[in-house]
Amino acid sequence: MLHLSADRQVNPNIVQTYIPNQPVKKGDEKGHFAFGGSIVVLLFEKNKIKFNQDLIENTAKGYETSIKMGEQFAEAL
């Protein structure tokens, strides 16, 4: 999985708190968003996860689905 924190070009709002080149464990804090238009992009290897059905259905209809921190959106295969 690749984790990418993206930010608006104007007024960046991502505060990085991790220490570069140091080991991390699942669930460790990497950083946080300040108020504003930031986004997290996750890229997965093909056929490694199965997205929840509501995401699949909403995407097919052109709808956005809100996912909150800690909320499950897929399962590992």
Protein backbone atom coordinates (compact mmCIF):
# COMPACT_ATOMS: atom_id res chain seq x y z
CA MET A 1 0.00 0.00 0.00
CA LEU A 2 1.17 3.52 -0.78
CA HIS A 3 -0.01 6.36 1.48
CA LEU A 4 0.09 9.84 -0.07
CA SER A 5 -0.90 12.99 1.82
CA ALA A 6 -2.01 15.56 -0.73
CA ASP A 7 -2.56 19.23 -0.11
CA ARG A 8 -3.99 22.24 -1.84
CA GLN A 9 -1.37 24.39 -3.53
CA VAL A 10 -2.58 27.45 -1.66
CA ASN A 11 -2.40 27.36 2.15
CA PRO A 12 -0.98 23.86 2.86
CA ASN A 13 -2.58 22.19 5.86
CA ILE A 14 -0.66 18.95 6.57
CA VAL A 15 1.49 18.86 9.71
CA GLN A 16 4.01 15.98 9.55
CA THR A 17 4.95 14.56 12.98
CA TYR A 18 6.87 11.41 12.01
CA ILE A 19 10.67 11.17 12.12
CA PRO A 20 12.08 10.38 8.64
CA ASN A 21 14.00 7.11 8.25
CA GLN A 22 12.74 5.77 11.60
CA PRO A 23 10.74 2.53 11.94
CA VAL A 24 6.97 2.86 12.34
CA LYS A 25 4.29 0.45 13.51
CA LYS A 26 0.75 0.10 12.26
CA GLY A 27 -1.33 2.80 13.92
CA ASP A 28 1.59 5.14 14.67
CA GLU A 29 0.90 8.82 14.06
CA LYS A 30 2.35 10.10 10.80
CA GLY A 31 0.92 13.60 10.96
CA HIS A 32 -2.36 15.43 10.99
CA PHE A 33 -4.43 17.82 8.94
CA ALA A 34 -5.00 21.38 10.03
CA PHE A 35 -8.32 22.88 8.94
CA GLY A 36 -8.55 23.12 5.16
CA GLY A 37 -8.73 21.15 1.93
CA SER A 38 -6.32 18.24 2.32
CA ILE A 39 -6.78 14.64 1.26
CA VAL A 40 -5.24 11.20 1.75
CA VAL A 41 -4.73 8.95 -1.27
CA LEU A 42 -4.20 5.21 -0.75
CA LEU A 43 -2.98 2.99 -3.59
CA PHE A 44 -3.20 -0.81 -3.31
CA GLU A 45 -1.82 -3.68 -5.34
CA LYS A 46 -4.36 -5.21 -7.69
CA ASN A 47 -6.46 -8.02 -6.12
CA LYS A 48 -5.09 -7.41 -2.59
CA ILE A 49 -8.21 -5.79 -1.07
CA LYS A 50 -11.99 -5.86 -1.47
CA PHE A 51 -13.79 -2.52 -1.03
CA ASN A 52 -16.99 -2.35 1.03
CA GLN A 53 -20.15 -2.68 -1.02
CA ASP A 54 -21.42 0.84 -0.20
CA LEU A 55 -18.27 2.34 -1.75
CA ILE A 56 -18.71 0.27 -4.89
CA GLU A 57 -22.39 1.19 -5.23
CA ASN A 58 -21.93 4.89 -4.50
CA THR A 59 -18.97 5.16 -6.88
CA ALA A 60 -20.99 3.52 -9.65
CA LYS A 61 -23.67 6.18 -9.12
CA GLY A 62 -21.08 8.98 -9.14
CA TYR A 63 -21.53 9.71 -5.41
CA GLU A 64 -18.85 10.56 -2.90
CA THR A 65 -18.70 8.45 0.27
CA SER A 66 -17.39 10.00 3.47
CA ILE A 67 -14.97 7.80 5.44
CA LYS A 68 -13.91 8.86 8.91
CA MET A 69 -10.63 8.04 10.63
CA GLY A 70 -10.64 4.46 11.91
CA GLU A 71 -13.67 3.45 9.82
CA GLN A 72 -13.29 0.28 7.74
CA PHE A 73 -13.66 0.77 3.98
CA ALA A 74 -12.16 -2.49 2.68
CA GLU A 75 -10.80 -5.86 3.73
CA ALA A 76 -7.53 -7.60 2.87
CA LEU A 77 -7.74 -10.63 0.60
